[in-house]
Amino acid sequence: MRKALIVSTCAAFLLTATTAVSAQGGPSGHRPRTEEDVLKRYVERVMKGQREDGHWDHSYKLGMTALAALALKHSNDPRAASSVAKAAAYLAQAKTEYKTYSAGMIISALYQIDPRAHRRTISKYASLLCKSQMRDDVRGMFCYNLVGIRTRAGTWTTRADNSNTQFAVLGLLFAERSGFQVPKSTWEDLKHHYTKTQNTDGGWGYRIGDGSYHNMTLAGAVSLYIAEEQLALGGSSRCVMNPPSRATEAAMKWVGKHFTTELNSYGLYALERLGILTGRSEFGGHYWYREAADRIVNHGVDEGKWGQAGAAFVVLFLSRGKEPIIINKLKYYGDWDCAHYDVKHMTDYISDRMQSPMQWRVVTLESKLEDLLKVPILHYHGIKGPAFTDDEKIKIRNYVLKGGVLMVQACKCWKAAKEFDEAFRTLMEECFPEGELEELPKSHRMFQTPRKLSRPPKVEVMKFGERIGVIYLPKELAIDWHRGGGSAKPAFDAGVDIIFYVLKQAGRLGAGAKPIRD
């Protein structure tokens, strides 16, 4: 459930995920177009479609209104604020639209706008989605209609497909994050569907048995990942290297092997969701946002048959691709992923509490130093201490000395923690012979904002002048971040304070940001 902890008088976050990509060419005497130019034009186009009472015309009136509102909300364009408010009011008072697409989009939009204020509407559509999930030979899927609608013949519509299903999955995800309890069987049936119907090449088609193609494989990979993540909540508290499922990895390989930026707007929306959800900057060596944004700026985009919806999809792609990345998760040779969802869940938690979408990525030390420095925190965690090469140690040193913060957590298992601890301290001596780790007192301001912690975790830091450049947690929070749930709240709250401190230290918070009571 979202609780406001931060109020900003202007833009809350100054960090952007990418810089503008200039177009080559263009009319003589005119400055080249940028992503910002294109985004503004698409935002204006979406806004022009809104009617006086707040809706957008479409055969699925509420679904289109929700999609437009979601896109405008993510655009962070101040001109769109009143449009979003009018759309939210219209969605809240309108009669139920018994369509799967609409239910998924309405929940997604109201979650981003204000899940607490719209809890009743979110719960209504989430309940309808749960009741509408198919059984028998199409177990786990969804069709166009929800249970409140019958066909002329008086029977339920059974033409289930992967497009409707992905929108149902998104709606259920955000309903869960709003506090609605989605039955575990719903996620189990979704996982069953995607694993059992996946084509041998790793992809999916529109319906069961159809050949694989981009839009549906991207959507299928997103949906399977979400189902697996939800089923992992509250799982084991042990640090064990658990790689993603074979089905998920096969889907990712398909995306990398067949990567293209020649996607229509619907496909771009799916690509954006997959990249952000899984923390991936690239697929198959292709940097999905950089390459696709460049194509949009220079060559435009095929909006397909969706019209206003297509414009909204483009707004979502460009807006979400430019949201701030606040933490990188370091992938290294060894047990780097023993708490698979740790950084993701922590970032989601902060996004909710700060009411501003933020992102994370998986990186390696093969990345260029200038790219690593775009993100204020480099985080790693494991069972055994990673054996970094000399070149990697130099990059870690330079990252910290040039302004980045290295955040490290040791596994809770005492035997592993001892081995990890020894390896980490040796690494610090090698990388920073001039530095020294010191334990922060419980009264340190790192533990005071946004929420004063009643039981601060043990934190050791290394300072460079007045700036903290290394943060070490000998007793991890990461496994609780990974597990999620109510019992993980103290670990999440501690993570919020630590990361908030780093962002403020790095100047990544707006000057008007201040803590308030939640």
Protein backbone atom coordinates (compact mmCIF):
# COMPACT_ATOMS: atom_id res chain seq x y z
CA MET A 1 0.00 0.00 0.00
CA ARG A 2 1.36 3.39 -0.95
CA LYS A 3 2.07 5.82 1.91
CA ALA A 4 3.38 9.28 1.13
CA LEU A 5 6.68 9.91 2.86
CA ILE A 6 8.08 12.62 0.62
CA VAL A 7 6.68 15.93 -0.54
CA SER A 8 8.54 17.78 -3.25
CA THR A 9 7.89 21.38 -4.21
CA CYS A 10 9.12 20.79 -7.72
CA ALA A 11 10.52 17.70 -9.45
CA ALA A 12 11.31 15.21 -6.70
CA PHE A 13 14.10 13.56 -8.62
CA LEU A 14 16.72 15.17 -10.81
CA LEU A 15 18.35 12.01 -12.10
CA THR A 16 17.33 10.83 -15.55
CA ALA A 17 17.95 7.38 -16.91
CA THR A 18 19.23 8.53 -20.29
CA THR A 19 20.13 11.65 -22.20
CA ALA A 20 18.32 12.90 -25.25
CA VAL A 21 19.08 11.31 -28.59
CA SER A 22 19.32 13.89 -31.36
CA ALA A 23 17.92 13.21 -34.78
CA GLN A 24 20.17 13.30 -37.82
CA GLY A 25 18.95 15.59 -40.50
CA GLY A 26 15.60 17.37 -40.34
CA PRO A 27 14.44 20.54 -42.11
CA SER A 28 17.19 23.02 -42.84
CA GLY A 29 17.48 25.69 -40.16
CA HIS A 30 15.56 23.67 -37.57
CA ARG A 31 17.16 22.17 -34.50
CA PRO A 32 17.17 18.36 -34.45
CA ARG A 33 14.32 16.63 -32.68
CA THR A 34 14.99 15.02 -29.33
CA GLU A 35 13.18 12.44 -27.24
CA GLU A 36 11.74 15.32 -25.22
CA ASP A 37 10.32 16.92 -28.37
CA VAL A 38 8.68 13.69 -29.49
CA LEU A 39 7.35 12.93 -26.03
CA LYS A 40 5.77 16.38 -25.69
CA ARG A 41 4.06 16.02 -29.06
CA TYR A 42 2.64 12.62 -28.14
CA VAL A 43 1.50 13.91 -24.75
CA GLU A 44 -0.31 16.78 -26.48
CA ARG A 45 -1.89 14.35 -28.89
CA VAL A 46 -3.18 12.12 -26.10
CA MET A 47 -4.50 15.11 -24.14
CA LYS A 48 -6.42 16.41 -27.17
CA GLY A 49 -8.48 13.22 -27.23
CA GLN A 50 -9.98 13.78 -23.79
CA ARG A 51 -13.63 14.81 -23.59
CA GLU A 52 -14.96 17.43 -21.23
CA ASP A 53 -16.19 14.89 -18.66
CA GLY A 54 -12.74 13.25 -18.52
CA HIS A 55 -13.10 10.21 -20.80
CA TRP A 56 -11.59 9.22 -24.15
CA ASP A 57 -13.79 7.81 -26.90
CA HIS A 58 -13.24 4.14 -27.69
CA SER A 59 -15.26 0.93 -27.92
CA TYR A 60 -13.69 0.23 -24.50
CA LYS A 61 -14.28 3.71 -23.10
CA LEU A 62 -13.00 3.07 -19.59
CA GLY A 63 -10.07 0.98 -20.77
CA MET A 64 -8.91 3.72 -23.14
CA THR A 65 -9.43 6.39 -20.50
CA ALA A 66 -7.32 4.41 -18.03
CA LEU A 67 -4.55 3.83 -20.57
CA ALA A 68 -4.43 7.52 -21.46
CA ALA A 69 -4.40 8.52 -17.79
CA LEU A 70 -1.62 6.02 -17.04
CA ALA A 71 0.49 7.38 -19.91
CA LEU A 72 -0.04 11.00 -18.90
CA LYS A 73 0.73 10.23 -15.27
CA HIS A 74 4.05 8.60 -16.20
CA SER A 75 4.91 11.47 -18.56
CA ASN A 76 5.40 13.75 -15.53
CA ASP A 77 4.29 16.60 -17.78
CA PRO A 78 2.78 19.35 -15.57
CA ARG A 79 0.33 20.20 -18.34
CA ALA A 80 -1.26 16.78 -17.95
CA ALA A 81 -2.06 16.96 -14.22
CA SER A 82 -5.62 18.20 -14.65
CA SER A 83 -6.27 15.64 -17.40
CA VAL A 84 -5.16 12.81 -15.11
CA ALA A 85 -7.34 14.08 -12.27
CA LYS A 86 -10.41 14.33 -14.50
CA ALA A 87 -9.80 10.85 -15.90
CA ALA A 88 -9.43 9.36 -12.41
CA ALA A 89 -12.70 10.97 -11.30
CA TYR A 90 -14.46 9.61 -14.38
CA LEU A 91 -13.13 6.08 -13.80
CA ALA A 92 -14.18 6.14 -10.16
CA GLN A 93 -17.81 7.04 -10.85
CA ALA A 94 -18.42 5.17 -14.11
CA LYS A 95 -20.41 1.95 -14.37
CA THR A 96 -18.35 -1.24 -14.50
CA GLU A 97 -16.87 -2.09 -17.90
CA TYR A 98 -16.76 -5.89 -18.04
CA LYS A 99 -13.70 -6.21 -20.27
CA THR A 100 -10.36 -7.79 -19.39
CA TYR A 101 -8.33 -5.12 -21.16
CA SER A 102 -10.25 -2.43 -19.29
CA ALA A 103 -9.91 -4.10 -15.88
CA GLY A 104 -6.14 -4.43 -16.26
CA MET A 105 -5.68 -0.84 -17.37
CA ILE A 106 -8.06 0.67 -14.80
CA ILE A 107 -6.22 -1.03 -11.93
CA SER A 108 -2.81 -0.07 -13.36
CA ALA A 109 -3.82 3.58 -13.77
CA LEU A 110 -5.54 4.01 -10.40
CA TYR A 111 -2.62 2.34 -8.67
CA GLN A 112 -0.24 4.94 -10.10
CA ILE A 113 -2.62 7.84 -9.42
CA ASP A 114 -3.69 7.03 -5.83
CA PRO A 115 -4.31 3.43 -4.76
CA ARG A 116 -5.58 4.40 -1.32
CA ALA A 117 -8.25 6.76 -2.65
CA HIS A 118 -9.32 4.24 -5.32
CA ARG A 119 -9.06 1.06 -3.27
CA ARG A 120 -12.71 0.13 -3.76
CA THR A 121 -12.56 0.40 -7.57
CA ILE A 122 -9.27 -1.50 -7.69
CA SER A 123 -10.70 -4.29 -5.53
CA LYS A 124 -13.85 -4.51 -7.66
CA TYR A 125 -11.96 -5.06 -10.89
CA ALA A 126 -9.37 -7.34 -9.27
CA SER A 127 -12.15 -9.55 -7.93
CA LEU A 128 -13.73 -9.74 -11.38
CA LEU A 129 -10.38 -10.72 -12.90
CA CYS A 130 -9.86 -13.51 -10.38
CA LYS A 131 -13.34 -14.87 -11.08
CA SER A 132 -12.82 -14.67 -14.84
CA GLN A 133 -9.65 -16.74 -15.14
CA MET A 134 -10.23 -19.69 -17.47
CA ARG A 135 -10.10 -23.35 -16.51
CA ASP A 136 -9.92 -26.68 -18.33
CA ASP A 137 -7.91 -26.73 -21.59
CA VAL A 138 -7.12 -23.00 -21.40
CA ARG A 139 -6.36 -23.03 -17.69
CA GLY A 140 -4.84 -19.79 -16.45
CA MET A 141 -5.77 -17.64 -19.45
CA PHE A 142 -8.22 -14.78 -19.88
CA CYS A 143 -10.57 -13.86 -22.71
CA TYR A 144 -12.05 -10.51 -23.74
CA ASN A 145 -15.00 -10.52 -21.36
CA LEU A 146 -15.22 -10.65 -17.60
CA VAL A 147 -17.77 -12.83 -15.82
CA GLY A 148 -20.46 -10.16 -15.83
CA ILE A 149 -20.96 -10.42 -19.60
CA ARG A 150 -22.54 -13.28 -21.54
CA THR A 151 -22.58 -13.87 -25.28
CA ARG A 152 -25.84 -13.78 -27.23
CA ALA A 153 -25.97 -17.55 -26.98
CA GLY A 154 -25.98 -17.22 -23.19
CA THR A 155 -22.60 -18.88 -22.60
CA TRP A 156 -19.32 -17.48 -21.35
CA THR A 157 -16.92 -16.29 -24.03
CA THR A 158 -14.05 -18.81 -24.15
CA ARG A 159 -11.73 -17.46 -26.85
CA ALA A 160 -8.81 -16.93 -24.52
CA ASP A 161 -5.61 -15.32 -25.80
CA ASN A 162 -2.23 -14.12 -24.55
CA SER A 163 -2.93 -10.45 -25.21
CA ASN A 164 -5.93 -10.26 -22.88
CA THR A 165 -4.05 -12.44 -20.42
CA GLN A 166 -1.08 -10.07 -20.14
CA PHE A 167 -3.35 -7.14 -19.28
CA ALA A 168 -5.07 -9.25 -16.64
CA VAL A 169 -1.66 -10.11 -15.15
CA LEU A 170 -0.68 -6.43 -14.96
CA GLY A 171 -3.95 -5.57 -13.26
CA LEU A 172 -3.55 -8.37 -10.74
CA LEU A 173 0.02 -7.32 -9.98
CA PHE A 174 -0.93 -3.76 -9.13
CA ALA A 175 -4.02 -4.90 -7.25
CA GLU A 176 -1.73 -7.04 -5.09
CA ARG A 177 0.58 -4.09 -4.50
CA SER A 178 -2.46 -2.02 -3.53
CA GLY A 179 -3.38 -4.47 -0.79
CA PHE A 180 -5.81 -6.79 -2.60
CA GLN A 181 -5.17 -10.45 -1.84
CA VAL A 182 -4.90 -12.30 -5.14
CA PRO A 183 -5.36 -16.06 -4.52
CA LYS A 184 -2.17 -18.07 -4.83
CA SER A 185 -4.00 -20.43 -7.20
CA THR A 186 -4.43 -17.54 -9.65
CA TRP A 187 -0.66 -17.09 -9.93
CA GLU A 188 -0.13 -20.86 -10.04
CA ASP A 189 -2.57 -21.20 -12.94
CA LEU A 190 -0.86 -18.35 -14.79
CA LYS A 191 2.54 -19.96 -14.36
CA HIS A 192 1.06 -23.29 -15.49
CA HIS A 193 -0.32 -21.66 -18.63
CA TYR A 194 2.90 -19.96 -19.69
CA THR A 195 5.20 -22.89 -18.96
CA LYS A 196 2.93 -25.48 -20.57
CA THR A 197 2.12 -23.49 -23.72
CA GLN A 198 5.56 -22.03 -24.43
CA ASN A 199 6.78 -22.94 -27.90
CA THR A 200 9.95 -24.99 -28.23
CA ASP A 201 11.84 -21.90 -29.45
CA GLY A 202 11.05 -20.10 -26.18
CA GLY A 203 8.34 -17.78 -27.46
CA TRP A 204 4.56 -17.53 -27.56
CA GLY A 205 1.90 -16.66 -30.10
CA TYR A 206 -1.49 -14.99 -29.76
CA ARG A 207 -3.24 -18.24 -28.92
CA ILE A 208 -2.07 -21.66 -27.84
CA GLY A 209 -0.33 -23.37 -30.75
CA ASP A 210 0.36 -20.17 -32.73
CA GLY A 211 3.92 -19.47 -33.83
CA SER A 212 6.13 -17.19 -31.75
CA TYR A 213 6.33 -13.49 -32.54
CA HIS A 214 7.63 -10.39 -30.82
CA ASN A 215 4.58 -8.78 -29.23
CA MET A 216 3.29 -11.97 -27.62
CA THR A 217 6.71 -13.28 -26.59
CA LEU A 218 7.51 -9.99 -24.88
CA ALA A 219 4.12 -10.04 -23.18
CA GLY A 220 4.48 -13.70 -22.24
CA ALA A 221 7.92 -13.17 -20.72
CA VAL A 222 6.59 -10.24 -18.65
CA SER A 223 3.60 -12.23 -17.44
CA LEU A 224 5.55 -15.37 -16.55
CA TYR A 225 8.13 -13.32 -14.64
CA ILE A 226 5.36 -11.62 -12.65
CA ALA A 227 3.66 -14.92 -11.80
CA GLU A 228 6.95 -16.44 -10.61
CA GLU A 229 7.75 -13.35 -8.56
CA GLN A 230 4.37 -13.38 -6.81
CA LEU A 231 4.71 -17.06 -6.00
CA ALA A 232 8.14 -16.42 -4.46
CA LEU A 233 6.81 -13.88 -1.95
CA GLY A 234 7.22 -15.06 1.62
CA GLY A 235 9.48 -17.91 0.52
CA SER A 236 12.68 -19.28 2.02
CA SER A 237 14.76 -17.05 4.28
CA ARG A 238 17.93 -18.89 3.28
CA CYS A 239 20.49 -17.46 0.87
CA VAL A 240 20.64 -19.92 -2.00
CA MET A 241 21.63 -19.22 -5.59
CA ASN A 242 18.30 -19.73 -7.38
CA PRO A 243 18.56 -18.96 -11.08
CA PRO A 244 15.39 -17.94 -12.96
CA SER A 245 13.22 -20.71 -14.35
CA ARG A 246 14.16 -22.41 -17.59
CA ALA A 247 10.99 -21.08 -19.19
CA THR A 248 11.86 -17.49 -18.29
CA GLU A 249 15.44 -17.87 -19.49
CA ALA A 250 14.27 -19.43 -22.76
CA ALA A 251 11.95 -16.46 -23.31
CA MET A 252 14.78 -13.99 -22.62
CA LYS A 253 17.00 -15.80 -25.09
CA TRP A 254 14.25 -15.57 -27.73
CA VAL A 255 13.97 -11.82 -27.15
CA GLY A 256 17.75 -11.38 -27.41
CA LYS A 257 18.08 -13.57 -30.51
CA HIS A 258 15.22 -11.87 -32.35
CA PHE A 259 15.74 -8.37 -31.00
CA THR A 260 14.46 -5.57 -33.21
CA THR A 261 13.40 -1.97 -32.77
CA GLU A 262 10.95 -2.29 -35.66
CA LEU A 263 8.07 -2.87 -33.27
CA ASN A 264 4.69 -1.22 -33.35
CA SER A 265 3.58 0.84 -30.36
CA TYR A 266 2.00 -2.17 -28.64
CA GLY A 267 5.30 -4.05 -28.90
CA LEU A 268 7.29 -1.08 -27.57
CA TYR A 269 5.03 -1.02 -24.51
CA ALA A 270 5.76 -4.72 -23.90
CA LEU A 271 9.51 -4.22 -24.44
CA GLU A 272 9.61 -1.38 -21.93
CA ARG A 273 7.80 -3.44 -19.31
CA LEU A 274 10.10 -6.42 -19.74
CA GLY A 275 13.29 -4.36 -19.53
CA ILE A 276 12.20 -2.45 -16.43
CA LEU A 277 10.62 -5.40 -14.66
CA THR A 278 13.68 -7.64 -15.00
CA GLY A 279 16.25 -4.87 -14.49
CA ARG A 280 17.82 -5.41 -17.90
CA SER A 281 19.41 -2.64 -19.92
CA GLU A 282 19.99 -4.90 -22.90
CA PHE A 283 18.79 -8.05 -24.60
CA GLY A 284 21.27 -9.96 -26.71
CA GLY A 285 23.72 -7.05 -26.55
CA HIS A 286 21.08 -4.56 -27.72
CA TYR A 287 20.32 -1.63 -25.40
CA TRP A 288 16.57 -1.67 -25.74
CA TYR A 289 15.73 1.88 -24.69
CA ARG A 290 18.62 3.63 -26.41
CA GLU A 291 18.10 1.84 -29.72
CA ALA A 292 14.29 2.01 -29.80
CA ALA A 293 14.18 5.65 -28.69
CA ASP A 294 16.65 6.54 -31.43
CA ARG A 295 14.42 4.83 -33.98
CA ILE A 296 11.32 6.67 -32.72
CA VAL A 297 13.08 10.04 -32.92
CA ASN A 298 14.62 9.47 -36.33
CA HIS A 299 12.08 7.32 -38.10
CA GLY A 300 8.84 7.47 -36.15
CA VAL A 301 6.86 4.47 -34.96
CA ASP A 302 4.17 2.26 -36.38
CA GLU A 303 1.19 2.90 -34.11
CA GLY A 304 -0.57 -0.10 -35.55
CA LYS A 305 -4.35 -0.21 -35.44
CA TRP A 306 -4.66 1.34 -31.99
CA GLY A 307 -4.94 5.08 -32.77
CA GLN A 308 -5.12 6.98 -29.49
CA ALA A 309 -4.04 3.84 -27.63
CA GLY A 310 -0.97 3.66 -29.86
CA ALA A 311 -0.04 7.23 -28.97
CA ALA A 312 -0.43 6.39 -25.27
CA PHE A 313 1.85 3.36 -25.68
CA VAL A 314 4.55 5.62 -27.16
CA VAL A 315 4.21 8.05 -24.25
CA LEU A 316 4.63 5.15 -21.83
CA PHE A 317 7.72 3.86 -23.60
CA LEU A 318 9.52 7.21 -23.75
CA SER A 319 8.45 8.27 -20.25
CA ARG A 320 9.30 5.06 -18.45
CA GLY A 321 12.61 4.73 -20.27
CA LYS A 322 13.67 8.07 -18.80
CA GLU A 323 12.71 7.40 -15.17
CA PRO A 324 15.56 7.57 -12.64
CA ILE A 325 17.63 4.46 -11.99
CA ILE A 326 18.69 4.70 -8.35
CA ILE A 327 20.53 1.42 -7.78
CA ASN A 328 22.48 -1.11 -9.83
CA LYS A 329 22.71 -4.76 -8.81
CA LEU A 330 26.18 -6.12 -9.54
CA LYS A 331 26.40 -9.40 -11.41
CA TYR A 332 29.70 -11.15 -10.80
CA TYR A 333 31.14 -14.62 -11.23
CA GLY A 334 29.67 -16.61 -8.35
CA ASP A 335 26.55 -16.48 -6.16
CA TRP A 336 25.55 -12.93 -7.07
CA ASP A 337 21.81 -13.67 -7.26
CA CYS A 338 21.05 -15.60 -4.07
CA ALA A 339 18.21 -13.19 -3.25
CA HIS A 340 16.78 -12.80 -6.73
CA TYR A 341 14.13 -10.12 -6.08
CA ASP A 342 16.00 -8.16 -3.38
CA VAL A 343 16.88 -4.96 -5.22
CA LYS A 344 13.71 -5.07 -7.30
CA HIS A 345 11.44 -5.26 -4.27
CA MET A 346 13.40 -2.55 -2.48
CA THR A 347 13.09 -0.24 -5.48
CA ASP A 348 9.35 -0.96 -5.76
CA TYR A 349 8.94 -0.17 -2.07
CA ILE A 350 10.74 3.16 -2.39
CA SER A 351 8.76 4.06 -5.51
CA ASP A 352 5.53 3.49 -3.61
CA ARG A 353 6.59 5.45 -0.54
CA MET A 354 7.99 8.36 -2.50
CA GLN A 355 5.13 8.33 -5.00
CA SER A 356 7.60 8.55 -7.86
CA PRO A 357 8.57 5.63 -10.12
CA MET A 358 12.19 4.60 -9.78
CA GLN A 359 14.14 1.79 -11.38
CA TRP A 360 17.07 -0.58 -10.94
CA ARG A 361 19.32 -2.49 -13.30
CA VAL A 362 21.63 -5.49 -13.33
CA VAL A 363 25.18 -4.53 -14.37
CA THR A 364 28.65 -6.07 -14.57
CA LEU A 365 32.04 -4.48 -14.07
CA GLU A 366 32.54 -4.74 -17.82
CA SER A 367 30.32 -1.65 -18.01
CA LYS A 368 32.02 1.65 -18.76
CA LEU A 369 32.84 3.69 -15.67
CA GLU A 370 30.87 6.67 -16.96
CA ASP A 371 27.78 4.47 -17.31
CA LEU A 372 28.16 3.08 -13.78
CA LEU A 373 28.51 6.61 -12.40
CA LYS A 374 25.10 7.59 -13.80
CA VAL A 375 23.57 5.52 -10.99
CA PRO A 376 24.37 6.55 -7.39
CA ILE A 377 24.47 3.06 -5.80
CA LEU A 378 26.28 -0.12 -6.83
CA HIS A 379 24.97 -3.01 -4.73
CA TYR A 380 26.23 -6.53 -4.30
CA HIS A 381 25.39 -9.40 -1.99
CA GLY A 382 26.31 -13.05 -1.80
CA ILE A 383 27.27 -16.14 0.16
CA LYS A 384 30.95 -16.22 -0.68
CA GLY A 385 33.04 -13.19 -1.37
CA PRO A 386 33.47 -12.57 -5.10
CA ALA A 387 37.01 -12.88 -6.46
CA PHE A 388 37.38 -9.65 -8.40
CA THR A 389 40.20 -9.20 -10.89
CA ASP A 390 42.71 -6.38 -10.56
CA ASP A 391 40.97 -4.43 -13.32
CA GLU A 392 37.61 -4.85 -11.56
CA LYS A 393 39.10 -3.64 -8.28
CA ILE A 394 40.41 -0.55 -10.05
CA LYS A 395 36.93 0.11 -11.44
CA ILE A 396 35.35 -0.27 -8.00
CA ARG A 397 37.88 2.17 -6.57
CA ASN A 398 37.31 4.71 -9.32
CA TYR A 399 33.54 4.37 -9.04
CA VAL A 400 33.65 5.25 -5.34
CA LEU A 401 36.30 7.98 -5.61
CA LYS A 402 34.37 9.69 -8.42
CA GLY A 403 31.15 9.89 -6.39
CA GLY A 404 29.43 6.51 -6.42
CA VAL A 405 28.46 4.55 -3.31
CA LEU A 406 29.30 0.86 -2.99
CA MET A 407 26.62 -0.90 -0.91
CA VAL A 408 27.44 -4.46 0.21
CA GLN A 409 25.52 -7.04 2.24
CA ALA A 410 26.71 -10.33 3.73
CA CYS A 411 24.49 -13.43 3.82
CA LYS A 412 22.78 -14.17 7.17
CA CYS A 413 24.10 -17.73 7.37
CA TRP A 414 26.89 -17.39 9.94
CA LYS A 415 29.39 -19.65 8.15
CA ALA A 416 28.84 -17.90 4.83
CA ALA A 417 28.77 -14.49 6.51
CA LYS A 418 32.18 -15.08 8.07
CA GLU A 419 33.70 -16.07 4.73
CA PHE A 420 32.00 -13.19 2.93
CA ASP A 421 33.02 -10.73 5.65
CA GLU A 422 36.67 -11.69 5.42
CA ALA A 423 36.63 -11.40 1.63
CA PHE A 424 34.94 -8.00 1.76
CA ARG A 425 37.39 -6.54 4.29
CA THR A 426 40.30 -7.79 2.21
CA LEU A 427 38.76 -6.14 -0.85
CA MET A 428 38.46 -2.83 1.01
CA GLU A 429 42.11 -2.97 2.08
CA GLU A 430 43.16 -3.58 -1.51
CA CYS A 431 40.87 -0.98 -3.10
CA PHE A 432 41.14 1.72 -0.44
CA PRO A 433 44.36 1.32 1.56
CA GLU A 434 43.93 4.91 2.73
CA GLY A 435 40.43 4.26 4.11
CA GLU A 436 39.00 2.62 7.19
CA LEU A 437 35.61 1.08 7.96
CA GLU A 438 33.81 2.48 10.98
CA GLU A 439 30.46 1.56 12.53
CA LEU A 440 27.81 4.26 12.42
CA PRO A 441 26.25 5.20 15.76
CA LYS A 442 22.53 4.44 16.08
CA SER A 443 21.91 8.18 16.36
CA HIS A 444 23.39 8.93 12.90
CA ARG A 445 21.14 10.93 10.60
CA MET A 446 21.15 8.03 8.10
CA PHE A 447 18.67 6.34 10.45
CA GLN A 448 16.46 9.40 11.04
CA THR A 449 14.94 10.20 7.63
CA PRO A 450 12.39 9.68 6.14
CA ARG A 451 11.45 7.59 9.21
CA LYS A 452 13.29 7.40 12.48
CA LEU A 453 14.26 3.76 12.92
CA SER A 454 13.58 2.28 16.34
CA ARG A 455 16.12 -0.50 15.74
CA PRO A 456 18.71 0.60 13.17
CA PRO A 457 20.70 -2.18 11.52
CA LYS A 458 24.43 -2.50 12.06
CA VAL A 459 26.06 -0.43 9.33
CA GLU A 460 29.76 0.13 8.71
CA VAL A 461 30.88 2.86 6.37
CA MET A 462 34.01 4.21 4.78
CA LYS A 463 34.19 7.97 4.43
CA PHE A 464 36.05 10.04 1.88
CA GLY A 465 36.18 13.48 3.38
CA GLU A 466 32.64 14.15 4.61
CA ARG A 467 31.09 11.84 2.02
CA ILE A 468 30.21 8.20 2.66
CA GLY A 469 31.51 6.10 -0.24
CA VAL A 470 31.07 2.54 1.10
CA ILE A 471 28.14 1.13 3.07
CA TYR A 472 28.46 -2.38 4.53
CA LEU A 473 25.75 -4.40 6.27
CA PRO A 474 27.36 -7.41 8.00
CA LYS A 475 23.83 -8.68 8.78
CA GLU A 476 21.90 -8.45 5.58
CA LEU A 477 18.54 -6.91 4.79
CA ALA A 478 18.55 -8.34 1.27
CA ILE A 479 16.93 -11.70 1.98
CA ASP A 480 13.99 -9.95 3.65
CA TRP A 481 13.71 -7.60 0.67
CA HIS A 482 13.61 -10.68 -1.54
CA ARG A 483 10.92 -12.45 0.52
CA GLY A 484 8.72 -9.39 0.91
CA GLY A 485 5.52 -9.39 2.93
CA GLY A 486 4.60 -7.72 6.19
CA SER A 487 7.44 -9.31 8.15
CA ALA A 488 9.95 -7.60 5.84
CA LYS A 489 8.71 -4.09 6.63
CA PRO A 490 11.52 -3.25 9.12
CA ALA A 491 14.11 -4.29 6.52
CA PHE A 492 12.38 -2.22 3.84
CA ASP A 493 12.14 0.81 6.11
CA ALA A 494 15.84 0.54 6.93
CA GLY A 495 16.59 0.30 3.22
CA VAL A 496 14.52 3.42 2.53
CA ASP A 497 16.52 5.42 5.07
CA ILE A 498 19.89 4.20 3.77
CA ILE A 499 19.07 4.80 0.12
CA PHE A 500 17.38 8.14 0.87
CA TYR A 501 20.56 9.24 2.62
CA VAL A 502 22.68 8.28 -0.40
CA LEU A 503 20.36 10.07 -2.84
CA LYS A 504 20.37 13.20 -0.71
CA GLN A 505 24.16 13.06 -0.32
CA ALA A 506 24.51 12.76 -4.10
CA GLY A 507 22.16 15.68 -4.73
CA ARG A 508 19.60 13.44 -6.41
CA LEU A 509 16.68 14.73 -4.34
CA GLY A 510 14.94 18.00 -5.09
CA ALA A 511 15.67 20.86 -2.72
CA GLY A 512 12.05 20.90 -1.58
CA ALA A 513 11.93 17.26 -0.53
CA LYS A 514 11.21 16.82 3.15
CA PRO A 515 9.95 13.98 5.32
CA ILE A 516 6.36 13.92 6.56
CA ARG A 517 4.46 11.52 8.77
CA ASP A 518 3.00 8.54 6.91
